[in-house]
C-alpha atoms as a PDB file:
ATOM      1  CA  MET A   1     -26.721 -52.460  17.400  1.00  0.00           C
ATOM      2  CA  VAL A   2     -29.744 -52.640  19.717  1.00  0.00           C
ATOM      3  CA  ASN A   3     -32.234 -49.799  19.281  1.00  0.00           C
ATOM      4  CA  ILE A   4     -34.508 -49.193  22.291  1.00  0.00           C
ATOM      5  CA  SER A   5     -36.315 -46.169  20.843  1.00  0.00           C
ATOM      6  CA  ALA A   6     -40.082 -46.094  21.211  1.00  0.00           C
ATOM      7  CA  ASN A   7     -43.003 -44.145  19.795  1.00  0.00           C
ATOM      8  CA  TYR A   8     -45.805 -42.817  21.953  1.00  0.00           C
ATOM      9  CA  LEU A   9     -48.600 -40.491  20.822  1.00  0.00           C
ATOM     10  CA  GLY A  10     -46.717 -39.966  17.579  1.00  0.00           C
ATOM     11  CA  ILE A  11     -43.712 -38.691  19.546  1.00  0.00           C
ATOM     12  CA  SER A  12     -40.329 -40.354  19.115  1.00  0.00           C
ATOM     13  CA  LEU A  13     -38.740 -41.430  22.411  1.00  0.00           C
ATOM     14  CA  LYS A  14     -35.131 -42.536  22.844  1.00  0.00           C
ATOM     15  CA  ASN A  15     -36.337 -45.394  25.071  1.00  0.00           C
ATOM     16  CA  PRO A  16     -39.647 -46.584  26.574  1.00  0.00           C
ATOM     17  CA  LEU A  17     -39.068 -45.128  30.072  1.00  0.00           C
ATOM     18  CA  ILE A  18     -41.268 -42.145  30.928  1.00  0.00           C
ATOM     19  CA  VAL A  19     -41.229 -40.590  34.394  1.00  0.00           C
ATOM     20  CA  GLY A  20     -44.805 -40.450  35.635  1.00  0.00           C
ATOM     21  CA  SER A  21     -46.527 -37.457  37.183  1.00  0.00           C
ATOM     22  CA  SER A  22     -45.228 -36.999  40.733  1.00  0.00           C
ATOM     23  CA  ARG A  23     -43.279 -34.709  43.043  1.00  0.00           C
ATOM     24  CA  LEU A  24     -40.190 -35.744  41.088  1.00  0.00           C
ATOM     25  CA  THR A  25     -41.540 -33.962  38.025  1.00  0.00           C
ATOM     26  CA  GLY A  26     -42.990 -31.086  40.033  1.00  0.00           C
ATOM     27  CA  GLU A  27     -39.528 -29.706  40.824  1.00  0.00           C
ATOM     28  CA  LEU A  28     -37.134 -28.722  38.048  1.00  0.00           C
ATOM     29  CA  ASN A  29     -34.066 -30.032  39.877  1.00  0.00           C
ATOM     30  CA  THR A  30     -35.309 -33.610  40.321  1.00  0.00           C
ATOM     31  CA  LEU A  31     -36.931 -33.578  36.895  1.00  0.00           C
ATOM     32  CA  LYS A  32     -33.571 -32.745  35.305  1.00  0.00           C
ATOM     33  CA  GLN A  33     -31.927 -35.534  37.313  1.00  0.00           C
ATOM     34  CA  CYS A  34     -34.419 -37.995  35.820  1.00  0.00           C
ATOM     35  CA  VAL A  35     -33.623 -36.773  32.317  1.00  0.00           C
ATOM     36  CA  ASP A  36     -29.878 -36.952  32.982  1.00  0.00           C
ATOM     37  CA  LYS A  37     -30.275 -40.598  34.034  1.00  0.00           C
ATOM     38  CA  GLY A  38     -32.015 -41.483  30.796  1.00  0.00           C
ATOM     39  CA  ALA A  39     -35.739 -40.711  31.030  1.00  0.00           C
ATOM     40  CA  SER A  40     -37.136 -40.391  27.506  1.00  0.00           C
ATOM     41  CA  ALA A  41     -40.022 -38.104  28.525  1.00  0.00           C
ATOM     42  CA  VAL A  42     -41.561 -36.596  31.637  1.00  0.00           C
ATOM     43  CA  VAL A  43     -45.147 -36.163  32.764  1.00  0.00           C
ATOM     44  CA  LEU A  44     -45.378 -33.036  34.877  1.00  0.00           C
ATOM     45  CA  LYS A  45     -46.956 -33.160  38.317  1.00  0.00           C
ATOM     46  CA  SER A  46     -50.714 -32.886  37.907  1.00  0.00           C
ATOM     47  CA  LEU A  47     -52.629 -29.689  38.363  1.00  0.00           C
ATOM     48  CA  PHE A  48     -55.710 -30.663  40.367  1.00  0.00           C
ATOM     49  CA  GLU A  49     -59.045 -29.016  39.638  1.00  0.00           C
ATOM     50  CA  GLU A  50     -60.364 -29.713  43.136  1.00  0.00           C
ATOM     51  CA  GLN A  51     -57.211 -28.326  44.761  1.00  0.00           C
ATOM     52  CA  ILE A  52     -57.459 -25.088  42.807  1.00  0.00           C
ATOM     53  CA  VAL A  53     -61.088 -24.617  43.832  1.00  0.00           C
ATOM     54  CA  LYS A  54     -60.302 -25.309  47.498  1.00  0.00           C
ATOM     55  CA  GLU A  55     -57.365 -22.898  47.475  1.00  0.00           C
ATOM     56  CA  ALA A  56     -59.562 -20.208  45.963  1.00  0.00           C
ATOM     57  CA  GLU A  57     -62.254 -20.733  48.589  1.00  0.00           C
ATOM     58  CA  SER A  58     -59.612 -20.735  51.323  1.00  0.00           C
ATOM     59  CA  LYS A  59     -58.284 -17.374  50.159  1.00  0.00           C
ATOM     60  CA  ILE A  60     -61.742 -15.871  50.454  1.00  0.00           C
ATOM     61  CA  SER A  61     -62.081 -17.228  53.993  1.00  0.00           C
ATOM     62  CA  LYS A  62     -58.592 -16.116  55.109  1.00  0.00           C
ATOM     63  CA  ASN A  63     -59.025 -12.623  53.731  1.00  0.00           C
ATOM     64  CA  ASN A  64     -62.095 -12.276  55.945  1.00  0.00           C
ATOM     65  CA  ILE A  65     -63.826 -10.210  53.320  1.00  0.00           C
ATOM     66  CA  GLU A  66     -67.025  -8.649  54.583  1.00  0.00           C
ATOM     67  CA  GLU A  67     -69.885 -11.086  54.324  1.00  0.00           C
ATOM     68  CA  HIS A  68     -72.246  -8.602  52.723  1.00  0.00           C
ATOM     69  CA  TYR A  69     -69.854  -8.375  49.759  1.00  0.00           C
ATOM     70  CA  PHE A  70     -71.002 -11.824  48.767  1.00  0.00           C
ATOM     71  CA  TRP A  71     -74.624 -10.910  48.620  1.00  0.00           C
ATOM     72  CA  PHE A  72     -73.659 -10.532  44.977  1.00  0.00           C
ATOM     73  CA  LYS A  73     -72.822 -14.036  43.803  1.00  0.00           C
ATOM     74  CA  GLU A  74     -71.094 -12.722  40.713  1.00  0.00           C
ATOM     75  CA  ALA A  75     -68.549 -10.973  42.961  1.00  0.00           C
ATOM     76  CA  GLU A  76     -67.718 -14.225  44.752  1.00  0.00           C
ATOM     77  CA  GLN A  77     -67.394 -16.025  41.440  1.00  0.00           C
ATOM     78  CA  LYS A  78     -65.106 -13.287  40.137  1.00  0.00           C
ATOM     79  CA  ILE A  79     -62.692 -13.830  43.038  1.00  0.00           C
ATOM     80  CA  LEU A  80     -62.817 -17.603  42.571  1.00  0.00           C
ATOM     81  CA  ASP A  81     -62.096 -17.201  38.863  1.00  0.00           C
ATOM     82  CA  LEU A  82     -59.163 -14.881  39.579  1.00  0.00           C
ATOM     83  CA  SER A  83     -57.589 -17.383  41.982  1.00  0.00           C
ATOM     84  CA  PHE A  84     -58.211 -20.166  39.467  1.00  0.00           C
ATOM     85  CA  ASP A  85     -56.413 -18.169  36.771  1.00  0.00           C
ATOM     86  CA  GLN A  86     -53.461 -17.440  39.086  1.00  0.00           C
ATOM     87  CA  ASN A  87     -52.960 -21.146  39.827  1.00  0.00           C
ATOM     88  CA  MET A  88     -53.157 -21.953  36.150  1.00  0.00           C
ATOM     89  CA  GLN A  89     -50.610 -19.266  35.297  1.00  0.00           C
ATOM     90  CA  ARG A  90     -48.123 -20.730  37.775  1.00  0.00           C
ATOM     91  CA  TYR A  91     -48.515 -24.087  36.074  1.00  0.00           C
ATOM     92  CA  LEU A  92     -48.065 -22.579  32.609  1.00  0.00           C
ATOM     93  CA  ASP A  93     -44.925 -20.787  33.796  1.00  0.00           C
ATOM     94  CA  TYR A  94     -43.553 -24.128  34.991  1.00  0.00           C
ATOM     95  CA  VAL A  95     -44.266 -25.742  31.621  1.00  0.00           C
ATOM     96  CA  LEU A  96     -42.280 -22.964  29.955  1.00  0.00           C
ATOM     97  CA  GLU A  97     -39.425 -23.359  32.443  1.00  0.00           C
ATOM     98  CA  VAL A  98     -39.186 -27.110  31.911  1.00  0.00           C
ATOM     99  CA  LYS A  99     -39.255 -26.750  28.127  1.00  0.00           C
ATOM    100  CA  ARG A 100     -36.347 -24.310  28.330  1.00  0.00           C
ATOM    101  CA  ASN A 101     -34.256 -26.681  30.444  1.00  0.00           C
ATOM    102  CA  VAL A 102     -34.711 -30.187  29.015  1.00  0.00           C
ATOM    103  CA  GLU A 103     -34.551 -31.716  25.557  1.00  0.00           C
ATOM    104  CA  VAL A 104     -37.019 -34.570  26.075  1.00  0.00           C
ATOM    105  CA  PRO A 105     -40.762 -34.411  25.345  1.00  0.00           C
ATOM    106  CA  VAL A 106     -42.791 -32.755  28.098  1.00  0.00           C
ATOM    107  CA  ILE A 107     -46.273 -34.088  28.824  1.00  0.00           C
ATOM    108  CA  SER A 108     -48.524 -31.878  30.937  1.00  0.00           C
ATOM    109  CA  SER A 109     -51.024 -33.452  33.313  1.00  0.00           C
ATOM    110  CA  ILE A 110     -54.315 -32.088  34.582  1.00  0.00           C
ATOM    111  CA  ASN A 111     -56.568 -33.830  37.068  1.00  0.00           C
ATOM    112  CA  CYS A 112     -60.169 -33.220  36.074  1.00  0.00           C
ATOM    113  CA  VAL A 113     -63.448 -33.998  37.781  1.00  0.00           C
ATOM    114  CA  SER A 114     -65.560 -31.948  35.370  1.00  0.00           C
ATOM    115  CA  SER A 115     -65.301 -30.475  31.884  1.00  0.00           C
ATOM    116  CA  LYS A 116     -65.622 -26.889  33.151  1.00  0.00           C
ATOM    117  CA  GLY A 117     -62.701 -24.661  32.246  1.00  0.00           C
ATOM    118  CA  TRP A 118     -60.327 -27.377  31.098  1.00  0.00           C
ATOM    119  CA  PRO A 119     -60.737 -27.028  27.331  1.00  0.00           C
ATOM    120  CA  LYS A 120     -59.499 -23.418  27.481  1.00  0.00           C
ATOM    121  CA  PHE A 121     -56.684 -24.316  29.863  1.00  0.00           C
ATOM    122  CA  ALA A 122     -55.633 -27.236  27.674  1.00  0.00           C
ATOM    123  CA  SER A 123     -55.239 -24.764  24.829  1.00  0.00           C
ATOM    124  CA  GLU A 124     -53.028 -22.561  27.027  1.00  0.00           C
ATOM    125  CA  ILE A 125     -50.885 -25.596  27.916  1.00  0.00           C
ATOM    126  CA  GLU A 126     -50.350 -26.240  24.228  1.00  0.00           C
ATOM    127  CA  LYS A 127     -49.312 -22.609  23.700  1.00  0.00           C
ATOM    128  CA  ALA A 128     -46.836 -22.923  26.592  1.00  0.00           C
ATOM    129  CA  GLY A 129     -45.044 -25.613  24.609  1.00  0.00           C
ATOM    130  CA  ALA A 130     -46.207 -28.938  26.042  1.00  0.00           C
ATOM    131  CA  ASP A 131     -45.673 -31.783  23.593  1.00  0.00           C
ATOM    132  CA  ALA A 132     -48.715 -33.716  24.783  1.00  0.00           C
ATOM    133  CA  LEU A 133     -51.399 -33.692  27.451  1.00  0.00           C
ATOM    134  CA  GLU A 134     -52.319 -36.401  29.940  1.00  0.00           C
ATOM    135  CA  LEU A 135     -55.818 -36.162  31.394  1.00  0.00           C
ATOM    136  CA  ASN A 136     -55.608 -37.614  34.876  1.00  0.00           C
ATOM    137  CA  ILE A 137     -59.336 -38.069  35.362  1.00  0.00           C
ATOM    138  CA  GLY A 138     -60.593 -39.351  38.699  1.00  0.00           C
ATOM    139  CA  ILE A 139     -64.349 -39.557  39.154  1.00  0.00           C
ATOM    140  CA  PHE A 140     -65.465 -41.723  42.050  1.00  0.00           C
ATOM    141  CA  PRO A 141     -68.991 -43.076  42.656  1.00  0.00           C
ATOM    142  CA  PHE A 142     -69.593 -41.440  46.034  1.00  0.00           C
ATOM    143  CA  ASP A 143     -73.277 -40.965  45.218  1.00  0.00           C
ATOM    144  CA  ILE A 144     -75.436 -44.088  45.116  1.00  0.00           C
ATOM    145  CA  LYS A 145     -77.652 -42.442  42.509  1.00  0.00           C
ATOM    146  CA  THR A 146     -74.818 -41.897  40.027  1.00  0.00           C
ATOM    147  CA  THR A 147     -74.834 -44.586  37.360  1.00  0.00           C
ATOM    148  CA  SER A 148     -71.838 -46.178  35.693  1.00  0.00           C
ATOM    149  CA  ALA A 149     -72.941 -44.728  32.369  1.00  0.00           C
ATOM    150  CA  GLU A 150     -73.005 -41.202  33.812  1.00  0.00           C
ATOM    151  CA  ILE A 151     -69.450 -41.556  35.109  1.00  0.00           C
ATOM    152  CA  GLU A 152     -68.152 -42.919  31.816  1.00  0.00           C
ATOM    153  CA  ASN A 153     -69.959 -40.234  29.829  1.00  0.00           C
ATOM    154  CA  THR A 154     -68.254 -37.553  31.926  1.00  0.00           C
ATOM    155  CA  TYR A 155     -64.892 -38.984  30.841  1.00  0.00           C
ATOM    156  CA  PHE A 156     -66.005 -38.937  27.218  1.00  0.00           C
ATOM    157  CA  ASP A 157     -67.299 -35.348  27.481  1.00  0.00           C
ATOM    158  CA  ILE A 158     -64.014 -34.107  28.976  1.00  0.00           C
ATOM    159  CA  ILE A 159     -61.994 -35.755  26.206  1.00  0.00           C
ATOM    160  CA  ARG A 160     -64.217 -34.402  23.421  1.00  0.00           C
ATOM    161  CA  GLU A 161     -64.098 -30.853  24.747  1.00  0.00           C
ATOM    162  CA  VAL A 162     -60.345 -30.898  25.324  1.00  0.00           C
ATOM    163  CA  LYS A 163     -59.616 -32.441  21.919  1.00  0.00           C
ATOM    164  CA  ALA A 164     -61.724 -29.757  20.252  1.00  0.00           C
ATOM    165  CA  ASN A 165     -59.388 -27.111  21.668  1.00  0.00           C
ATOM    166  CA  VAL A 166     -55.906 -28.574  21.111  1.00  0.00           C
ATOM    167  CA  ASN A 167     -53.801 -30.006  18.331  1.00  0.00           C
ATOM    168  CA  ILE A 168     -51.295 -31.827  20.543  1.00  0.00           C
ATOM    169  CA  PRO A 169     -51.978 -35.505  21.328  1.00  0.00           C
ATOM    170  CA  VAL A 170     -54.086 -36.306  24.385  1.00  0.00           C
ATOM    171  CA  SER A 171     -53.823 -39.408  26.556  1.00  0.00           C
ATOM    172  CA  VAL A 172     -56.064 -40.444  29.428  1.00  0.00           C
ATOM    173  CA  LYS A 173     -54.854 -41.970  32.677  1.00  0.00           C
ATOM    174  CA  ILE A 174     -57.550 -44.206  34.129  1.00  0.00           C
ATOM    175  CA  GLY A 175     -58.139 -46.386  37.148  1.00  0.00           C
ATOM    176  CA  SER A 176     -59.093 -50.043  37.008  1.00  0.00           C
ATOM    177  CA  TYR A 177     -62.560 -49.646  38.538  1.00  0.00           C
ATOM    178  CA  PHE A 178     -64.802 -50.062  35.526  1.00  0.00           C
ATOM    179  CA  THR A 179     -67.326 -52.766  34.723  1.00  0.00           C
ATOM    180  CA  ASN A 180     -65.934 -53.408  31.254  1.00  0.00           C
ATOM    181  CA  ILE A 181     -62.537 -51.802  30.725  1.00  0.00           C
ATOM    182  CA  LEU A 182     -62.407 -52.977  27.107  1.00  0.00           C
ATOM    183  CA  SER A 183     -65.675 -51.266  26.188  1.00  0.00           C
ATOM    184  CA  PHE A 184     -64.791 -48.190  28.241  1.00  0.00           C
ATOM    185  CA  ALA A 185     -61.372 -47.896  26.596  1.00  0.00           C
ATOM    186  CA  ASN A 186     -62.992 -48.133  23.187  1.00  0.00           C
ATOM    187  CA  GLY A 187     -65.308 -45.295  24.219  1.00  0.00           C
ATOM    188  CA  LEU A 188     -62.300 -43.197  25.224  1.00  0.00           C
ATOM    189  CA  VAL A 189     -60.766 -43.720  21.789  1.00  0.00           C
ATOM    190  CA  GLU A 190     -64.032 -42.887  20.030  1.00  0.00           C
ATOM    191  CA  ALA A 191     -64.175 -39.676  22.079  1.00  0.00           C
ATOM    192  CA  GLY A 192     -60.733 -38.770  20.747  1.00  0.00           C
ATOM    193  CA  ALA A 193     -58.120 -40.181  23.140  1.00  0.00           C
ATOM    194  CA  ASP A 194     -54.802 -40.825  21.413  1.00  0.00           C
ATOM    195  CA  GLY A 195     -53.454 -42.963  24.245  1.00  0.00           C
ATOM    196  CA  ILE A 196     -54.451 -44.651  27.493  1.00  0.00           C
ATOM    197  CA  VAL A 197     -52.303 -44.988  30.610  1.00  0.00           C
ATOM    198  CA  LEU A 198     -53.113 -48.032  32.753  1.00  0.00           C
ATOM    199  CA  PHE A 199     -53.524 -47.629  35.702  1.00  0.00           C
ATOM    200  CA  ASN A 200     -53.806 -44.697  38.027  1.00  0.00           C
ATOM    201  CA  ARG A 201     -52.901 -45.397  41.640  1.00  0.00           C
ATOM    202  CA  TYR A 202     -55.410 -43.497  43.724  1.00  0.00           C
ATOM    203  CA  PHE A 203     -55.076 -42.386  47.319  1.00  0.00           C
ATOM    204  CA  ARG A 204     -55.942 -45.296  49.620  1.00  0.00           C
ATOM    205  CA  PRO A 205     -57.059 -44.357  53.132  1.00  0.00           C
ATOM    206  CA  ASP A 206     -56.371 -46.442  56.209  1.00  0.00           C
ATOM    207  CA  ILE A 207     -57.853 -46.223  59.717  1.00  0.00           C
ATOM    208  CA  ASP A 208     -55.901 -45.475  62.866  1.00  0.00           C
ATOM    209  CA  MET A 209     -57.242 -47.960  65.423  1.00  0.00           C
ATOM    210  CA  ASP A 210     -56.481 -45.675  68.378  1.00  0.00           C
ATOM    211  CA  THR A 211     -57.877 -42.403  67.071  1.00  0.00           C
ATOM    212  CA  ARG A 212     -60.445 -44.089  64.801  1.00  0.00           C
ATOM    213  CA  LYS A 213     -59.620 -41.504  62.169  1.00  0.00           C
ATOM    214  CA  LEU A 214     -58.775 -41.920  58.518  1.00  0.00           C
ATOM    215  CA  VAL A 215     -55.070 -41.700  57.784  1.00  0.00           C
ATOM    216  CA  ALA A 216     -52.952 -42.032  54.667  1.00  0.00           C
ATOM    217  CA  SER A 217     -51.646 -45.483  53.826  1.00  0.00           C
ATOM    218  CA  ASP A 218     -48.414 -46.271  52.017  1.00  0.00           C
ATOM    219  CA  ASN A 219     -49.298 -45.163  48.518  1.00  0.00           C
ATOM    220  CA  LEU A 220     -46.215 -46.480  46.724  1.00  0.00           C
ATOM    221  CA  SER A 221     -46.710 -49.437  44.434  1.00  0.00           C
ATOM    222  CA  SER A 222     -45.073 -52.832  44.867  1.00  0.00           C
ATOM    223  CA  PRO A 223     -43.250 -54.810  42.152  1.00  0.00           C
ATOM    224  CA  ASP A 224     -46.188 -57.226  41.843  1.00  0.00           C
ATOM    225  CA  ASP A 225     -48.635 -54.474  40.918  1.00  0.00           C
ATOM    226  CA  TYR A 226     -47.481 -54.486  37.285  1.00  0.00           C
ATOM    227  CA  LEU A 227     -49.544 -57.626  36.668  1.00  0.00           C
ATOM    228  CA  VAL A 228     -52.892 -55.809  36.592  1.00  0.00           C
ATOM    229  CA  ALA A 229     -51.870 -53.389  33.847  1.00  0.00           C
ATOM    230  CA  MET A 230     -50.090 -56.140  31.915  1.00  0.00           C
ATOM    231  CA  ARG A 231     -53.224 -58.242  31.770  1.00  0.00           C
ATOM    232  CA  TRP A 232     -55.454 -55.444  30.491  1.00  0.00           C
ATOM    233  CA  ILE A 233     -52.898 -54.171  28.014  1.00  0.00           C
ATOM    234  CA  GLY A 234     -52.759 -57.678  26.583  1.00  0.00           C
ATOM    235  CA  LEU A 235     -56.534 -57.836  26.302  1.00  0.00           C
ATOM    236  CA  LEU A 236     -56.778 -54.367  24.767  1.00  0.00           C
ATOM    237  CA  VAL A 237     -54.155 -55.221  22.144  1.00  0.00           C
ATOM    238  CA  ALA A 238     -55.878 -58.535  21.424  1.00  0.00           C
ATOM    239  CA  ASN A 239     -59.115 -56.609  20.898  1.00  0.00           C
ATOM    240  CA  LYS A 240     -57.298 -54.259  18.504  1.00  0.00           C
ATOM    241  CA  ILE A 241     -57.810 -51.059  20.483  1.00  0.00           C
ATOM    242  CA  ASN A 242     -56.869 -48.175  18.209  1.00  0.00           C
ATOM    243  CA  CYS A 243     -54.587 -46.116  20.451  1.00  0.00           C
ATOM    244  CA  ASP A 244     -51.229 -46.215  22.190  1.00  0.00           C
ATOM    245  CA  LEU A 245     -50.968 -47.913  25.576  1.00  0.00           C
ATOM    246  CA  VAL A 246     -48.678 -47.113  28.487  1.00  0.00           C
ATOM    247  CA  ALA A 247     -48.220 -49.285  31.566  1.00  0.00           C
ATOM    248  CA  SER A 248     -48.141 -47.524  34.915  1.00  0.00           C
ATOM    249  CA  THR A 249     -48.075 -48.761  38.534  1.00  0.00           C
ATOM    250  CA  GLY A 250     -45.743 -51.527  39.623  1.00  0.00           C
ATOM    251  CA  VAL A 251     -43.058 -51.046  36.972  1.00  0.00           C
ATOM    252  CA  HIS A 252     -40.019 -51.334  39.252  1.00  0.00           C
ATOM    253  CA  ASN A 253     -37.426 -53.184  37.156  1.00  0.00           C
ATOM    254  CA  TYR A 254     -36.431 -54.139  33.633  1.00  0.00           C
ATOM    255  CA  GLU A 255     -38.315 -57.440  33.863  1.00  0.00           C
ATOM    256  CA  ALA A 256     -41.601 -55.568  34.291  1.00  0.00           C
ATOM    257  CA  VAL A 257     -40.702 -53.293  31.379  1.00  0.00           C
ATOM    258  CA  VAL A 258     -40.001 -56.270  29.117  1.00  0.00           C
ATOM    259  CA  LYS A 259     -43.232 -58.009  30.115  1.00  0.00           C
ATOM    260  CA  GLN A 260     -45.359 -54.910  29.507  1.00  0.00           C
ATOM    261  CA  ILE A 261     -43.873 -54.551  26.034  1.00  0.00           C
ATOM    262  CA  LEU A 262     -44.383 -58.267  25.376  1.00  0.00           C
ATOM    263  CA  ALA A 263     -48.045 -57.686  26.259  1.00  0.00           C
ATOM    264  CA  GLY A 264     -48.220 -54.791  23.799  1.00  0.00           C
ATOM    265  CA  ALA A 265     -47.361 -51.578  25.672  1.00  0.00           C
ATOM    266  CA  ASN A 266     -45.806 -48.739  23.685  1.00  0.00           C
ATOM    267  CA  ALA A 267     -43.992 -47.426  26.755  1.00  0.00           C
ATOM    268  CA  VAL A 268     -44.059 -47.488  30.560  1.00  0.00           C
ATOM    269  CA  GLN A 269     -44.195 -44.916  33.331  1.00  0.00           C
ATOM    270  CA  LEU A 270     -41.843 -45.103  36.305  1.00  0.00           C
ATOM    271  CA  CYS A 271     -42.597 -43.525  39.655  1.00  0.00           C
ATOM    272  CA  SER A 272     -42.581 -45.535  42.909  1.00  0.00           C
ATOM    273  CA  THR A 273     -39.362 -47.351  42.044  1.00  0.00           C
ATOM    274  CA  LEU A 274     -37.584 -44.000  41.740  1.00  0.00           C
ATOM    275  CA  TYR A 275     -38.577 -43.150  45.308  1.00  0.00           C
ATOM    276  CA  LEU A 276     -37.714 -46.592  46.641  1.00  0.00           C
ATOM    277  CA  ASN A 277     -34.561 -47.338  44.663  1.00  0.00           C
ATOM    278  CA  GLY A 278     -33.328 -43.954  43.487  1.00  0.00           C
ATOM    279  CA  ILE A 279     -33.328 -42.047  40.220  1.00  0.00           C
ATOM    280  CA  ASP A 280     -30.331 -44.119  39.053  1.00  0.00           C
ATOM    281  CA  THR A 281     -32.889 -46.891  38.491  1.00  0.00           C
ATOM    282  CA  ILE A 282     -33.742 -45.329  35.122  1.00  0.00           C
ATOM    283  CA  GLU A 283     -30.225 -45.897  33.821  1.00  0.00           C
ATOM    284  CA  LYS A 284     -30.090 -49.420  35.270  1.00  0.00           C
ATOM    285  CA  ILE A 285     -33.358 -50.435  33.633  1.00  0.00           C
ATOM    286  CA  ASN A 286     -32.256 -49.117  30.244  1.00  0.00           C
ATOM    287  CA  ASN A 287     -28.938 -50.974  30.468  1.00  0.00           C
ATOM    288  CA  ASN A 288     -30.615 -54.211  31.555  1.00  0.00           C
ATOM    289  CA  LEU A 289     -33.195 -53.875  28.781  1.00  0.00           C
ATOM    290  CA  ILE A 290     -30.416 -53.566  26.208  1.00  0.00           C
ATOM    291  CA  SER A 291     -28.609 -56.611  27.634  1.00  0.00           C
ATOM    292  CA  TRP A 292     -31.794 -58.690  27.572  1.00  0.00           C
ATOM    293  CA  MET A 293     -32.495 -57.738  23.956  1.00  0.00           C
ATOM    294  CA  GLU A 294     -28.934 -58.581  22.933  1.00  0.00           C
ATOM    295  CA  ASN A 295     -29.210 -61.990  24.584  1.00  0.00           C
ATOM    296  CA  LYS A 296     -32.500 -62.668  22.800  1.00  0.00           C
ATOM    297  CA  GLY A 297     -31.307 -61.385  19.439  1.00  0.00           C
ATOM    298  CA  TYR A 298     -33.782 -58.507  19.226  1.00  0.00           C
ATOM    299  CA  ASN A 299     -32.747 -55.343  17.403  1.00  0.00           C
ATOM    300  CA  SER A 300     -35.708 -53.135  18.329  1.00  0.00           C
ATOM    301  CA  LEU A 301     -38.682 -53.015  20.681  1.00  0.00           C
ATOM    302  CA  GLU A 302     -41.005 -53.707  17.761  1.00  0.00           C
ATOM    303  CA  ASP A 303     -39.273 -57.057  17.284  1.00  0.00           C
ATOM    304  CA  PHE A 304     -40.971 -58.347  20.415  1.00  0.00           C
ATOM    305  CA  ARG A 305     -43.780 -55.914  21.255  1.00  0.00           C
ATOM    306  CA  SER A 306     -47.038 -57.835  21.774  1.00  0.00           C
ATOM    307  CA  SER A 307     -45.270 -61.039  20.681  1.00  0.00           C
ATOM    308  CA  SER A 308     -46.631 -62.866  23.729  1.00  0.00           C
ATOM    309  CA  LEU A 309     -50.106 -62.593  22.279  1.00  0.00           C
ATOM    310  CA  ASP A 310     -51.788 -65.151  20.125  1.00  0.00           C
ATOM    311  CA  LEU A 311     -55.435 -66.131  20.351  1.00  0.00           C
ATOM    312  CA  GLN A 312     -54.757 -69.248  22.386  1.00  0.00           C
ATOM    313  CA  SER A 313     -52.596 -67.551  25.001  1.00  0.00           C
ATOM    314  CA  VAL A 314     -55.085 -64.702  25.389  1.00  0.00           C
ATOM    315  CA  ASP A 315     -57.996 -67.090  25.860  1.00  0.00           C
ATOM    316  CA  ALA A 316     -56.098 -69.326  28.229  1.00  0.00           C
ATOM    317  CA  SER A 317     -54.355 -66.783  30.403  1.00  0.00           C
ATOM    318  CA  PHE A 318     -55.341 -63.139  30.127  1.00  0.00           C
ATOM    319  CA  GLU A 319     -59.103 -63.799  30.137  1.00  0.00           C
ATOM    320  CA  ARG A 320     -59.129 -66.270  33.027  1.00  0.00           C
ATOM    321  CA  ILE A 321     -60.589 -64.715  36.179  1.00  0.00           C
ATOM    322  CA  GLN A 322     -60.314 -67.460  38.779  1.00  0.00           C
ATOM    323  CA  TYR A 323     -57.533 -69.954  39.289  1.00  0.00           C
ATOM    324  CA  ILE A 324     -58.830 -73.354  38.210  1.00  0.00           C
ATOM    325  CA  LYS A 325     -56.968 -76.516  39.120  1.00  0.00           C
ATOM    326  CA  ARG A 326     -56.296 -78.714  36.143  1.00  0.00           C
ATOM    327  CA  SER A 327     -56.642 -81.828  38.262  1.00  0.00           C
ATOM    328  CA  PHE A 328     -58.313 -82.727  41.532  1.00  0.00           C
ATOM    329  CA  ASN A 329     -55.011 -84.338  42.482  1.00  0.00           C
ATOM    330  CA  ASP A 330     -53.044 -81.043  42.238  1.00  0.00           C
END
């Protein structure tokens, strides 16, 4: 009998398919549909630090509170803090609601750009019943004076402070824009990360040629996008990174799931494919994964996880940057 159970962050999963943070997990109805179709865990829609701050500032502006009131900066900060707390409470209430309605592990997600306030909130998330926490950190180098080391150290500081305040496992979802992902990932683990999710798919602006204004581009991944995460997961496993790894972005079908596990992933996150192909895709991928394993004679995921890796294949394939022709006659 084929067993497709997985283990991620010390949590037992009935299969390797996790629904990534998105609108699908931000509404209880669609979240439950994902679970009904076979999702082994869900990552709740992220709570964004920047969004909370902007909403708080907007409330102050809309309320048209007398300007002289803010001669006292502590009064302005008090109102900002109150709005911040209200947004957080709504999120905590949703965590509680989800935990009451589904039987799968629930992973909360917070999008941080600083370490301010998050350690305390992470503790509240744990109290609300979340099984794990995913730090969706996005720090972009908009300032030419900001060094790479400063950006990476901010990640490390956030992880250390959050880990000091919670007992549940903490993973970090990162982008691919780092000079040395292997060294950076090792730093994340040393700071306390229990898992790393590769990779975040950030907002990508486009330009309207007529209005000359920035507009949103199609932000859904394509089936070929899985290759980037697969490569780095393979390299991280080959370098014996001491944490769990999850592949995200571009996982649209069972083939991509199999390949990520062959590279060494503990699990995968699904998102874009559920928008493009429907929530039923979860069930289809699980069924196809089972069929593939039966055909190959595998009884469990561990029978083939990271089995594509040996020193020669890593050197020859995963580490190659440019395509090099083997012969001038090719």
